[in-house]
PDB file of N, CA and C in Angstrom:
ATOM      1  N   UNK A   1       0.737  -1.219  -0.012  1.00  0.00           N
ATOM      2  CA  UNK A   1       0.078   0.051   0.009  1.00  0.00           C
ATOM      3  C   UNK A   1       0.758   1.312   0.115  1.00  0.00           C
ATOM      4  N   UNK A   2       1.776   1.117   0.612  1.00  0.00           N
ATOM      5  CA  UNK A   2       2.842   2.313   0.631  1.00  0.00           C
ATOM      6  C   UNK A   2       3.390   2.791  -0.512  1.00  0.00           C
ATOM      7  N   UNK A   3       3.980   1.565  -1.098  1.00  0.00           N
ATOM      8  CA  UNK A   3       4.515   1.624  -2.526  1.00  0.00           C
ATOM      9  C   UNK A   3       3.688   2.340  -3.436  1.00  0.00           C
ATOM     10  N   UNK A   4       2.091   1.941  -3.456  1.00  0.00           N
ATOM     11  CA  UNK A   4       1.301   2.396  -4.213  1.00  0.00           C
ATOM     12  C   UNK A   4       1.251   4.054  -4.134  1.00  0.00           C
ATOM     13  N   UNK A   5       1.076   4.198  -2.966  1.00  0.00           N
ATOM     14  CA  UNK A   5       0.959   5.760  -2.378  1.00  0.00           C
ATOM     15  C   UNK A   5       2.248   6.659  -3.014  1.00  0.00           C
ATOM     16  N   UNK A   6       3.274   6.113  -2.859  1.00  0.00           N
ATOM     17  CA  UNK A   6       4.497   6.684  -3.190  1.00  0.00           C
ATOM     18  C   UNK A   6       4.526   6.770  -4.749  1.00  0.00           C
ATOM     19  N   UNK A   7       4.252   5.733  -5.618  1.00  0.00           N
ATOM     20  CA  UNK A   7       3.986   5.662  -7.061  1.00  0.00           C
ATOM     21  C   UNK A   7       3.183   6.922  -7.405  1.00  0.00           C
ATOM     22  N   UNK A   8       2.081   6.939  -6.752  1.00  0.00           N
ATOM     23  CA  UNK A   8       1.243   8.011  -7.122  1.00  0.00           C
ATOM     24  C   UNK A   8       1.418   9.446  -6.836  1.00  0.00           C
ATOM     25  N   UNK A   9       2.226   9.458  -5.808  1.00  0.00           N
ATOM     26  CA  UNK A   9       2.688  10.783  -5.557  1.00  0.00           C
ATOM     27  C   UNK A   9       3.831  11.157  -6.461  1.00  0.00           C
ATOM     28  N   UNK A  10       4.665  10.348  -6.958  1.00  0.00           N
ATOM     29  CA  UNK A  10       5.734  10.637  -8.175  1.00  0.00           C
ATOM     30  C   UNK A  10       4.998  10.910  -9.297  1.00  0.00           C
ATOM     31  N   UNK A  11       4.181  10.032  -9.678  1.00  0.00           N
ATOM     32  CA  UNK A  11       3.267  10.442 -10.814  1.00  0.00           C
ATOM     33  C   UNK A  11       2.759  11.657 -10.826  1.00  0.00           C
ATOM     34  N   UNK A  12       2.155  12.210  -9.839  1.00  0.00           N
ATOM     35  CA  UNK A  12       1.485  13.436  -9.658  1.00  0.00           C
ATOM     36  C   UNK A  12       2.386  14.561  -9.549  1.00  0.00           C
ATOM     37  N   UNK A  13       3.616  14.492  -8.961  1.00  0.00           N
ATOM     38  CA  UNK A  13       4.675  15.360  -9.129  1.00  0.00           C
ATOM     39  C   UNK A  13       5.133  15.651 -10.554  1.00  0.00           C
ATOM     40  N   UNK A  14       5.319  14.482 -11.171  1.00  0.00           N
ATOM     41  CA  UNK A  14       5.701  14.631 -12.923  1.00  0.00           C
ATOM     42  C   UNK A  14       4.700  15.201 -13.470  1.00  0.00           C
ATOM     43  N   UNK A  15       3.352  15.103 -13.165  1.00  0.00           N
ATOM     44  CA  UNK A  15       2.328  15.761 -14.023  1.00  0.00           C
ATOM     45  C   UNK A  15       2.268  17.040 -13.851  1.00  0.00           C
ATOM     46  N   UNK A  16       2.569  17.388 -12.476  1.00  0.00           N
ATOM     47  CA  UNK A  16       2.493  18.766 -12.013  1.00  0.00           C
ATOM     48  C   UNK A  16       3.602  19.595 -12.891  1.00  0.00           C
ATOM     49  N   UNK A  17       4.868  18.861 -12.676  1.00  0.00           N
ATOM     50  CA  UNK A  17       5.913  19.529 -13.486  1.00  0.00           C
ATOM     51  C   UNK A  17       5.761  19.846 -14.963  1.00  0.00           C
ATOM     52  N   UNK A  18       5.357  18.789 -15.688  1.00  0.00           N
ATOM     53  CA  UNK A  18       5.020  18.657 -17.023  1.00  0.00           C
ATOM     54  C   UNK A  18       3.962  19.789 -17.452  1.00  0.00           C
ATOM     55  N   UNK A  19       2.814  19.896 -16.593  1.00  0.00           N
ATOM     56  CA  UNK A  19       1.792  20.831 -16.894  1.00  0.00           C
ATOM     57  C   UNK A  19       2.293  22.346 -16.810  1.00  0.00           C
ATOM     58  N   UNK A  20       3.287  22.603 -15.833  1.00  0.00           N
ATOM     59  CA  UNK A  20       3.678  24.043 -15.559  1.00  0.00           C
ATOM     60  C   UNK A  20       4.914  24.415 -16.140  1.00  0.00           C
ATOM     61  N   UNK A  21       5.455  23.498 -17.293  1.00  0.00           N
ATOM     62  CA  UNK A  21       6.742  23.930 -17.932  1.00  0.00           C
ATOM     63  C   UNK A  21       6.538  25.097 -18.723  1.00  0.00           C
ATOM     64  N   UNK A  22       7.200  26.086 -18.503  1.00  0.00           N
ATOM     65  CA  UNK A  22       6.944  27.087 -19.617  1.00  0.00           C
ATOM     66  C   UNK A  22       7.216  26.833 -20.956  1.00  0.00           C
ATOM     67  N   UNK A  23       6.776  27.808 -21.811  1.00  0.00           N
ATOM     68  CA  UNK A  23       6.835  27.490 -23.409  1.00  0.00           C
ATOM     69  C   UNK A  23       7.703  28.750 -24.066  1.00  0.00           C
ATOM     70  N   UNK A  24       7.880  28.502 -25.267  1.00  0.00           N
ATOM     71  CA  UNK A  24       8.586  29.561 -26.156  1.00  0.00           C
ATOM     72  C   UNK A  24       7.797  31.043 -25.854  1.00  0.00           C
ATOM     73  N   UNK A  25       6.420  31.133 -25.920  1.00  0.00           N
ATOM     74  CA  UNK A  25       5.727  32.165 -25.943  1.00  0.00           C
ATOM     75  C   UNK A  25       5.894  32.857 -24.516  1.00  0.00           C
ATOM     76  N   UNK A  26       6.123  32.153 -23.510  1.00  0.00           N
ATOM     77  CA  UNK A  26       6.064  32.613 -21.858  1.00  0.00           C
ATOM     78  C   UNK A  26       7.539  33.217 -21.919  1.00  0.00           C
ATOM     79  N   UNK A  27       8.502  32.731 -22.532  1.00  0.00           N
ATOM     80  CA  UNK A  27       9.751  33.151 -22.520  1.00  0.00           C
ATOM     81  C   UNK A  27       9.994  34.552 -23.115  1.00  0.00           C
ATOM     82  N   UNK A  28       9.230  34.750 -24.539  1.00  0.00           N
ATOM     83  CA  UNK A  28       9.212  35.888 -25.288  1.00  0.00           C
ATOM     84  C   UNK A  28       8.230  37.058 -24.459  1.00  0.00           C
ATOM     85  N   UNK A  29       7.331  36.525 -23.845  1.00  0.00           N
ATOM     86  CA  UNK A  29       6.587  37.537 -22.775  1.00  0.00           C
ATOM     87  C   UNK A  29       7.483  38.021 -21.690  1.00  0.00           C
ATOM     88  N   UNK A  30       8.366  37.053 -21.318  1.00  0.00           N
ATOM     89  CA  UNK A  30       9.174  37.303 -20.004  1.00  0.00           C
ATOM     90  C   UNK A  30      10.291  38.205 -20.423  1.00  0.00           C
ATOM     91  N   UNK A  31      10.819  38.068 -21.595  1.00  0.00           N
ATOM     92  CA  UNK A  31      12.070  39.104 -22.164  1.00  0.00           C
ATOM     93  C   UNK A  31      11.299  40.456 -22.405  1.00  0.00           C
ATOM     94  N   UNK A  32      10.048  40.303 -22.924  1.00  0.00           N
ATOM     95  CA  UNK A  32       9.545  41.785 -23.381  1.00  0.00           C
ATOM     96  C   UNK A  32       9.032  42.524 -22.088  1.00  0.00           C
ATOM     97  N   UNK A  33       8.813  41.864 -20.968  1.00  0.00           N
ATOM     98  CA  UNK A  33       8.480  42.428 -19.779  1.00  0.00           C
ATOM     99  C   UNK A  33       9.181  43.638 -19.261  1.00  0.00           C
ATOM    100  N   UNK A  34       8.715  44.290 -18.444  1.00  0.00           N
ATOM    101  CA  UNK A  34       9.423  45.681 -17.960  1.00  0.00           C
ATOM    102  C   UNK A  34      10.646  45.434 -17.384  1.00  0.00           C
ATOM    103  N   UNK A  35      10.771  44.381 -16.483  1.00  0.00           N
ATOM    104  CA  UNK A  35      11.824  44.094 -15.516  1.00  0.00           C
ATOM    105  C   UNK A  35      13.293  43.713 -16.427  1.00  0.00           C
ATOM    106  N   UNK A  36      13.056  43.144 -17.522  1.00  0.00           N
ATOM    107  CA  UNK A  36      13.996  42.533 -18.201  1.00  0.00           C
ATOM    108  C   UNK A  36      14.628  43.318 -19.538  1.00  0.00           C
ATOM    109  N   UNK A  37      15.898  43.768 -19.503  1.00  0.00           N
ATOM    110  CA  UNK A  37      16.400  44.703 -20.619  1.00  0.00           C
ATOM    111  C   UNK A  37      17.453  43.983 -21.095  1.00  0.00           C
ATOM    112  N   UNK A  38      17.638  44.456 -22.528  1.00  0.00           N
ATOM    113  CA  UNK A  38      18.894  43.489 -23.137  1.00  0.00           C
ATOM    114  C   UNK A  38      19.829  44.537 -23.318  1.00  0.00           C
ATOM    115  N   UNK A  39      21.153  44.291 -22.630  1.00  0.00           N
ATOM    116  CA  UNK A  39      22.197  45.225 -22.721  1.00  0.00           C
ATOM    117  C   UNK A  39      23.388  44.365 -23.094  1.00  0.00           C
ATOM    118  N   UNK A  40      24.079  44.779 -24.231  1.00  0.00           N
ATOM    119  CA  UNK A  40      24.923  44.068 -24.784  1.00  0.00           C
ATOM    120  C   UNK A  40      24.867  42.659 -25.060  1.00  0.00           C
ATOM    121  N   UNK A  41      23.649  42.283 -25.714  1.00  0.00           N
ATOM    122  CA  UNK A  41      23.234  40.982 -25.865  1.00  0.00           C
ATOM    123  C   UNK A  41      23.013  40.159 -24.937  1.00  0.00           C
ATOM    124  N   UNK A  42      22.766  40.826 -23.473  1.00  0.00           N
ATOM    125  CA  UNK A  42      22.531  39.993 -22.413  1.00  0.00           C
ATOM    126  C   UNK A  42      21.107  40.543 -21.824  1.00  0.00           C
ATOM    127  N   UNK A  43      20.467  39.648 -21.146  1.00  0.00           N
ATOM    128  CA  UNK A  43      19.389  40.244 -20.387  1.00  0.00           C
ATOM    129  C   UNK A  43      19.802  40.471 -19.217  1.00  0.00           C
ATOM    130  N   UNK A  44      19.518  41.960 -18.650  1.00  0.00           N
ATOM    131  CA  UNK A  44      19.868  42.396 -17.400  1.00  0.00           C
ATOM    132  C   UNK A  44      18.785  43.307 -16.901  1.00  0.00           C
ATOM    133  N   UNK A  45      19.039  44.110 -15.743  1.00  0.00           N
ATOM    134  CA  UNK A  45      18.089  44.845 -15.136  1.00  0.00           C
ATOM    135  C   UNK A  45      18.005  46.330 -15.758  1.00  0.00           C
ATOM    136  N   UNK A  46      18.798  46.605 -16.492  1.00  0.00           N
ATOM    137  CA  UNK A  46      18.909  48.087 -16.880  1.00  0.00           C
ATOM    138  C   UNK A  46      19.882  48.239 -17.814  1.00  0.00           C
ATOM    139  N   UNK A  47      19.850  49.593 -18.448  1.00  0.00           N
ATOM    140  CA  UNK A  47      20.865  49.839 -19.549  1.00  0.00           C
ATOM    141  C   UNK A  47      21.657  50.991 -18.969  1.00  0.00           C
ATOM    142  N   UNK A  48      23.082  50.959 -19.586  1.00  0.00           N
ATOM    143  CA  UNK A  48      23.869  52.166 -19.178  1.00  0.00           C
ATOM    144  C   UNK A  48      23.821  53.078 -20.255  1.00  0.00           C
ATOM    145  N   UNK A  49      24.455  54.350 -20.013  1.00  0.00           N
ATOM    146  CA  UNK A  49      24.360  55.398 -21.152  1.00  0.00           C
ATOM    147  C   UNK A  49      24.962  54.983 -22.168  1.00  0.00           C
ATOM    148  N   UNK A  50      26.253  54.276 -22.240  1.00  0.00           N
ATOM    149  CA  UNK A  50      26.934  53.764 -23.444  1.00  0.00           C
ATOM    150  C   UNK A  50      26.021  52.705 -24.292  1.00  0.00           C
ATOM    151  N   UNK A  51      25.496  51.944 -23.607  1.00  0.00           N
ATOM    152  CA  UNK A  51      24.687  50.861 -24.092  1.00  0.00           C
ATOM    153  C   UNK A  51      23.560  51.501 -25.060  1.00  0.00           C
ATOM    154  N   UNK A  52      22.703  52.543 -24.269  1.00  0.00           N
ATOM    155  CA  UNK A  52      21.650  53.301 -25.022  1.00  0.00           C
ATOM    156  C   UNK A  52      22.118  53.878 -26.341  1.00  0.00           C
ATOM    157  N   UNK A  53      23.197  54.598 -26.337  1.00  0.00           N
ATOM    158  CA  UNK A  53      23.822  55.489 -27.438  1.00  0.00           C
ATOM    159  C   UNK A  53      24.173  54.169 -28.580  1.00  0.00           C
ATOM    160  N   UNK A  54      24.725  53.169 -28.013  1.00  0.00           N
ATOM    161  CA  UNK A  54      25.128  52.001 -29.059  1.00  0.00           C
ATOM    162  C   UNK A  54      23.936  51.295 -29.662  1.00  0.00           C
ATOM    163  N   UNK A  55      22.524  51.375 -28.937  1.00  0.00           N
ATOM    164  CA  UNK A  55      21.427  50.894 -29.763  1.00  0.00           C
ATOM    165  C   UNK A  55      20.862  51.747 -30.725  1.00  0.00           C
ATOM    166  N   UNK A  56      21.061  53.041 -30.207  1.00  0.00           N
ATOM    167  CA  UNK A  56      20.417  54.246 -31.306  1.00  0.00           C
ATOM    168  C   UNK A  56      21.468  54.085 -32.550  1.00  0.00           C
ATOM    169  N   UNK A  57      22.582  53.723 -32.299  1.00  0.00           N
ATOM    170  CA  UNK A  57      23.597  53.622 -33.530  1.00  0.00           C
ATOM    171  C   UNK A  57      23.307  52.293 -34.424  1.00  0.00           C
ATOM    172  N   UNK A  58      22.819  51.498 -33.912  1.00  0.00           N
ATOM    173  CA  UNK A  58      22.693  50.121 -34.472  1.00  0.00           C
ATOM    174  C   UNK A  58      21.574  50.121 -35.670  1.00  0.00           C
ATOM    175  N   UNK A  59      20.921  50.876 -35.950  1.00  0.00           N
ATOM    176  CA  UNK A  59      19.745  51.207 -36.902  1.00  0.00           C
ATOM    177  C   UNK A  59      20.232  51.471 -38.271  1.00  0.00           C
ATOM    178  N   UNK A  60      21.172  50.781 -38.718  1.00  0.00           N
ATOM    179  CA  UNK A  60      21.703  50.988 -39.935  1.00  0.00           C
ATOM    180  C   UNK A  60      21.216  49.983 -41.010  1.00  0.00           C
ATOM    181  N   UNK A  61      20.535  49.053 -40.606  1.00  0.00           N
ATOM    182  CA  UNK A  61      20.059  47.834 -41.621  1.00  0.00           C
ATOM    183  C   UNK A  61      18.591  47.921 -41.361  1.00  0.00           C
ATOM    184  N   UNK A  62      17.771  47.866 -42.589  1.00  0.00           N
ATOM    185  CA  UNK A  62      16.272  47.914 -42.534  1.00  0.00           C
ATOM    186  C   UNK A  62      15.825  46.575 -41.450  1.00  0.00           C
ATOM    187  N   UNK A  63      16.372  45.580 -41.439  1.00  0.00           N
ATOM    188  CA  UNK A  63      15.844  44.501 -40.550  1.00  0.00           C
ATOM    189  C   UNK A  63      15.966  45.003 -39.046  1.00  0.00           C
ATOM    190  N   UNK A  64      17.074  45.648 -38.654  1.00  0.00           N
ATOM    191  CA  UNK A  64      17.291  45.951 -37.234  1.00  0.00           C
ATOM    192  C   UNK A  64      16.331  47.187 -36.757  1.00  0.00           C
ATOM    193  N   UNK A  65      16.073  47.946 -37.977  1.00  0.00           N
ATOM    194  CA  UNK A  65      15.241  49.210 -37.688  1.00  0.00           C
ATOM    195  C   UNK A  65      13.654  48.706 -37.139  1.00  0.00           C
ATOM    196  N   UNK A  66      13.387  47.430 -37.724  1.00  0.00           N
ATOM    197  CA  UNK A  66      12.098  47.070 -37.382  1.00  0.00           C
ATOM    198  C   UNK A  66      11.829  46.229 -35.872  1.00  0.00           C
ATOM    199  N   UNK A  67      13.103  45.816 -35.684  1.00  0.00           N
ATOM    200  CA  UNK A  67      13.019  45.024 -34.439  1.00  0.00           C
ATOM    201  C   UNK A  67      13.604  45.815 -33.190  1.00  0.00           C
ATOM    202  N   UNK A  68      13.074  45.517 -31.914  1.00  0.00           N
ATOM    203  CA  UNK A  68      13.779  45.970 -30.793  1.00  0.00           C
ATOM    204  C   UNK A  68      14.888  45.249 -30.240  1.00  0.00           C
ATOM    205  N   UNK A  69      15.439  45.514 -29.412  1.00  0.00           N
ATOM    206  CA  UNK A  69      16.714  44.803 -28.882  1.00  0.00           C
ATOM    207  C   UNK A  69      16.164  43.477 -28.223  1.00  0.00           C
ATOM    208  N   UNK A  70      14.978  43.468 -27.652  1.00  0.00           N
ATOM    209  CA  UNK A  70      14.429  42.092 -27.216  1.00  0.00           C
ATOM    210  C   UNK A  70      14.126  41.202 -28.416  1.00  0.00           C
ATOM    211  N   UNK A  71      13.645  41.634 -29.358  1.00  0.00           N
ATOM    212  CA  UNK A  71      13.389  40.962 -30.721  1.00  0.00           C
ATOM    213  C   UNK A  71      14.607  40.389 -31.190  1.00  0.00           C
ATOM    214  N   UNK A  72      15.856  41.195 -31.241  1.00  0.00           N
ATOM    215  CA  UNK A  72      17.114  40.614 -31.799  1.00  0.00           C
ATOM    216  C   UNK A  72      17.674  39.655 -30.904  1.00  0.00           C
ATOM    217  N   UNK A  73      17.448  39.839 -29.491  1.00  0.00           N
ATOM    218  CA  UNK A  73      17.897  38.816 -28.600  1.00  0.00           C
ATOM    219  C   UNK A  73      17.198  37.382 -28.705  1.00  0.00           C
ATOM    220  N   UNK A  74      15.826  37.496 -28.785  1.00  0.00           N
ATOM    221  CA  UNK A  74      14.857  36.487 -29.101  1.00  0.00           C
ATOM    222  C   UNK A  74      15.476  35.536 -30.225  1.00  0.00           C
ATOM    223  N   UNK A  75      15.730  36.326 -31.441  1.00  0.00           N
ATOM    224  CA  UNK A  75      15.870  35.652 -32.604  1.00  0.00           C
ATOM    225  C   UNK A  75      17.275  35.075 -32.643  1.00  0.00           C
ATOM    226  N   UNK A  76      18.009  35.097 -31.650  1.00  0.00           N
ATOM    227  CA  UNK A  76      19.406  34.572 -31.499  1.00  0.00           C
ATOM    228  C   UNK A  76      19.366  33.281 -30.525  1.00  0.00           C
ATOM    229  N   UNK A  77      18.041  33.115 -29.936  1.00  0.00           N
ATOM    230  CA  UNK A  77      18.101  32.001 -28.765  1.00  0.00           C
ATOM    231  C   UNK A  77      17.430  30.793 -29.640  1.00  0.00           C
ATOM    232  N   UNK A  78      17.816  29.753 -28.924  1.00  0.00           N
ATOM    233  CA  UNK A  78      17.454  28.222 -29.343  1.00  0.00           C
ATOM    234  C   UNK A  78      16.490  27.692 -28.297  1.00  0.00           C
ATOM    235  N   UNK A  79      15.483  26.945 -28.549  1.00  0.00           N
ATOM    236  CA  UNK A  79      14.805  26.417 -27.245  1.00  0.00           C
ATOM    237  C   UNK A  79      14.978  24.821 -27.298  1.00  0.00           C
ATOM    238  N   UNK A  80      15.066  24.443 -26.171  1.00  0.00           N
ATOM    239  CA  UNK A  80      15.072  22.823 -26.132  1.00  0.00           C
ATOM    240  C   UNK A  80      13.971  22.547 -25.172  1.00  0.00           C
ATOM    241  N   UNK A  81      13.010  21.941 -25.497  1.00  0.00           N
ATOM    242  CA  UNK A  81      11.787  21.498 -24.663  1.00  0.00           C
ATOM    243  C   UNK A  81      11.988  20.180 -24.084  1.00  0.00           C
ATOM    244  N   UNK A  82      12.303  20.121 -22.971  1.00  0.00           N
ATOM    245  CA  UNK A  82      12.468  18.763 -22.284  1.00  0.00           C
ATOM    246  C   UNK A  82      11.279  18.270 -21.670  1.00  0.00           C
ATOM    247  N   UNK A  83      11.187  17.163 -21.128  1.00  0.00           N
ATOM    248  CA  UNK A  83       9.724  16.734 -20.544  1.00  0.00           C
ATOM    249  C   UNK A  83       9.184  17.481 -19.554  1.00  0.00           C
ATOM    250  N   UNK A  84      10.094  17.914 -18.595  1.00  0.00           N
ATOM    251  CA  UNK A  84       9.597  18.805 -17.317  1.00  0.00           C
ATOM    252  C   UNK A  84      10.253  20.044 -17.349  1.00  0.00           C
ATOM    253  N   UNK A  85      10.937  20.456 -18.142  1.00  0.00           N
ATOM    254  CA  UNK A  85      11.670  21.846 -18.252  1.00  0.00           C
ATOM    255  C   UNK A  85      11.961  22.346 -19.510  1.00  0.00           C
ATOM    256  N   UNK A  86      12.215  23.532 -19.821  1.00  0.00           N
ATOM    257  CA  UNK A  86      12.730  24.089 -20.982  1.00  0.00           C
ATOM    258  C   UNK A  86      14.143  24.818 -21.022  1.00  0.00           C
ATOM    259  N   UNK A  87      14.838  24.601 -21.793  1.00  0.00           N
ATOM    260  CA  UNK A  87      16.293  25.258 -21.583  1.00  0.00           C
ATOM    261  C   UNK A  87      16.282  26.164 -22.841  1.00  0.00           C
ATOM    262  N   UNK A  88      16.689  27.540 -22.643  1.00  0.00           N
ATOM    263  CA  UNK A  88      16.966  28.538 -23.793  1.00  0.00           C
ATOM    264  C   UNK A  88      18.451  28.739 -23.781  1.00  0.00           C
ATOM    265  N   UNK A  89      19.037  28.507 -25.093  1.00  0.00           N
ATOM    266  CA  UNK A  89      20.411  28.636 -25.430  1.00  0.00           C
ATOM    267  C   UNK A  89      20.562  29.668 -26.190  1.00  0.00           C
ATOM    268  N   UNK A  90      21.839  30.350 -25.970  1.00  0.00           N
ATOM    269  CA  UNK A  90      22.105  31.663 -26.639  1.00  0.00           C
ATOM    270  C   UNK A  90      23.718  31.270 -27.036  1.00  0.00           C
ATOM    271  N   UNK A  91      24.093  31.114 -28.253  1.00  0.00           N
ATOM    272  CA  UNK A  91      25.535  31.013 -28.608  1.00  0.00           C
ATOM    273  C   UNK A  91      25.849  29.619 -27.991  1.00  0.00           C
ATOM    274  N   UNK A  92      25.009  28.569 -28.064  1.00  0.00           N
ATOM    275  CA  UNK A  92      25.409  27.445 -27.633  1.00  0.00           C
ATOM    276  C   UNK A  92      25.617  27.168 -26.016  1.00  0.00           C
ATOM    277  N   UNK A  93      25.255  28.226 -25.255  1.00  0.00           N
ATOM    278  CA  UNK A  93      25.319  28.239 -23.804  1.00  0.00           C
ATOM    279  C   UNK A  93      23.877  28.339 -23.353  1.00  0.00           C
ATOM    280  N   UNK A  94      23.538  27.522 -22.329  1.00  0.00           N
ATOM    281  CA  UNK A  94      22.322  27.560 -21.782  1.00  0.00           C
ATOM    282  C   UNK A  94      22.275  28.983 -20.853  1.00  0.00           C
ATOM    283  N   UNK A  95      21.196  29.881 -21.179  1.00  0.00           N
ATOM    284  CA  UNK A  95      21.253  31.154 -20.463  1.00  0.00           C
ATOM    285  C   UNK A  95      19.994  31.129 -19.562  1.00  0.00           C
ATOM    286  N   UNK A  96      18.913  30.357 -19.770  1.00  0.00           N
ATOM    287  CA  UNK A  96      17.840  30.277 -18.961  1.00  0.00           C
ATOM    288  C   UNK A  96      17.302  28.984 -18.935  1.00  0.00           C
ATOM    289  N   UNK A  97      16.682  28.650 -17.814  1.00  0.00           N
ATOM    290  CA  UNK A  97      16.030  27.327 -17.505  1.00  0.00           C
ATOM    291  C   UNK A  97      14.493  27.604 -17.036  1.00  0.00           C
ATOM    292  N   UNK A  98      13.509  27.117 -17.711  1.00  0.00           N
ATOM    293  CA  UNK A  98      12.183  27.266 -17.245  1.00  0.00           C
ATOM    294  C   UNK A  98      11.768  26.100 -16.733  1.00  0.00           C
ATOM    295  N   UNK A  99      10.948  26.235 -15.413  1.00  0.00           N
ATOM    296  CA  UNK A  99      10.423  25.054 -14.613  1.00  0.00           C
ATOM    297  C   UNK A  99       9.349  25.478 -13.634  1.00  0.00           C
ATOM    298  N   UNK A 100       8.327  24.922 -13.515  1.00  0.00           N
ATOM    299  CA  UNK A 100       7.390  25.310 -12.663  1.00  0.00           C
ATOM    300  C   UNK A 100       6.912  26.526 -12.822  1.00  0.00           C
ATOM    301  N   UNK A 101       6.620  26.974 -14.050  1.00  0.00           N
ATOM    302  CA  UNK A 101       6.143  28.321 -14.412  1.00  0.00           C
ATOM    303  C   UNK A 101       6.774  29.515 -14.427  1.00  0.00           C
ATOM    304  N   UNK A 102       8.380  29.250 -14.034  1.00  0.00           N
ATOM    305  CA  UNK A 102       9.174  30.176 -13.688  1.00  0.00           C
ATOM    306  C   UNK A 102      10.566  30.191 -14.492  1.00  0.00           C
ATOM    307  N   UNK A 103      11.134  31.367 -14.838  1.00  0.00           N
ATOM    308  CA  UNK A 103      12.381  31.224 -15.727  1.00  0.00           C
ATOM    309  C   UNK A 103      13.612  31.534 -14.803  1.00  0.00           C
ATOM    310  N   UNK A 104      14.542  30.663 -14.921  1.00  0.00           N
ATOM    311  CA  UNK A 104      15.760  30.918 -14.022  1.00  0.00           C
ATOM    312  C   UNK A 104      16.954  31.039 -14.757  1.00  0.00           C
ATOM    313  N   UNK A 105      17.665  32.314 -14.425  1.00  0.00           N
ATOM    314  CA  UNK A 105      18.771  32.670 -15.319  1.00  0.00           C
ATOM    315  C   UNK A 105      19.869  31.761 -14.878  1.00  0.00           C
ATOM    316  N   UNK A 106      20.613  31.417 -15.811  1.00  0.00           N
ATOM    317  CA  UNK A 106      22.102  30.473 -15.679  1.00  0.00           C
ATOM    318  C   UNK A 106      23.217  31.040 -16.500  1.00  0.00           C
ATOM    319  N   UNK A 107      24.350  30.706 -15.959  1.00  0.00           N
ATOM    320  CA  UNK A 107      25.612  30.912 -16.668  1.00  0.00           C
ATOM    321  C   UNK A 107      25.979  32.496 -16.410  1.00  0.00           C
ATOM    322  N   UNK A 108      25.211  33.220 -15.471  1.00  0.00           N
ATOM    323  CA  UNK A 108      25.644  34.590 -15.127  1.00  0.00           C
ATOM    324  C   UNK A 108      25.875  35.287 -16.471  1.00  0.00           C
TER     325      UNK A 108
END
């Protein structure tokens, strides 16, 4: 009886993790949110004066004019959907992991 209860709890935990795994759309919403800014190709809490001026100077190509810094960052990201979590890679390194409805920054 104990073994059956343990198995049911493990299955319930697995289902909860699976159903609360964030998606690509959740990550895009997270990056476009107010708290996250893109500075020098990395997500951070804010911009410096030099990065603001640099962003204004990056409008030389037509494609970049139509995209914000967050859109450029998202276009460089790859998504790996695991069974109970999601990894976001940029330049081959995992930068965010999504689990239980939240995004966790990795790799500093």
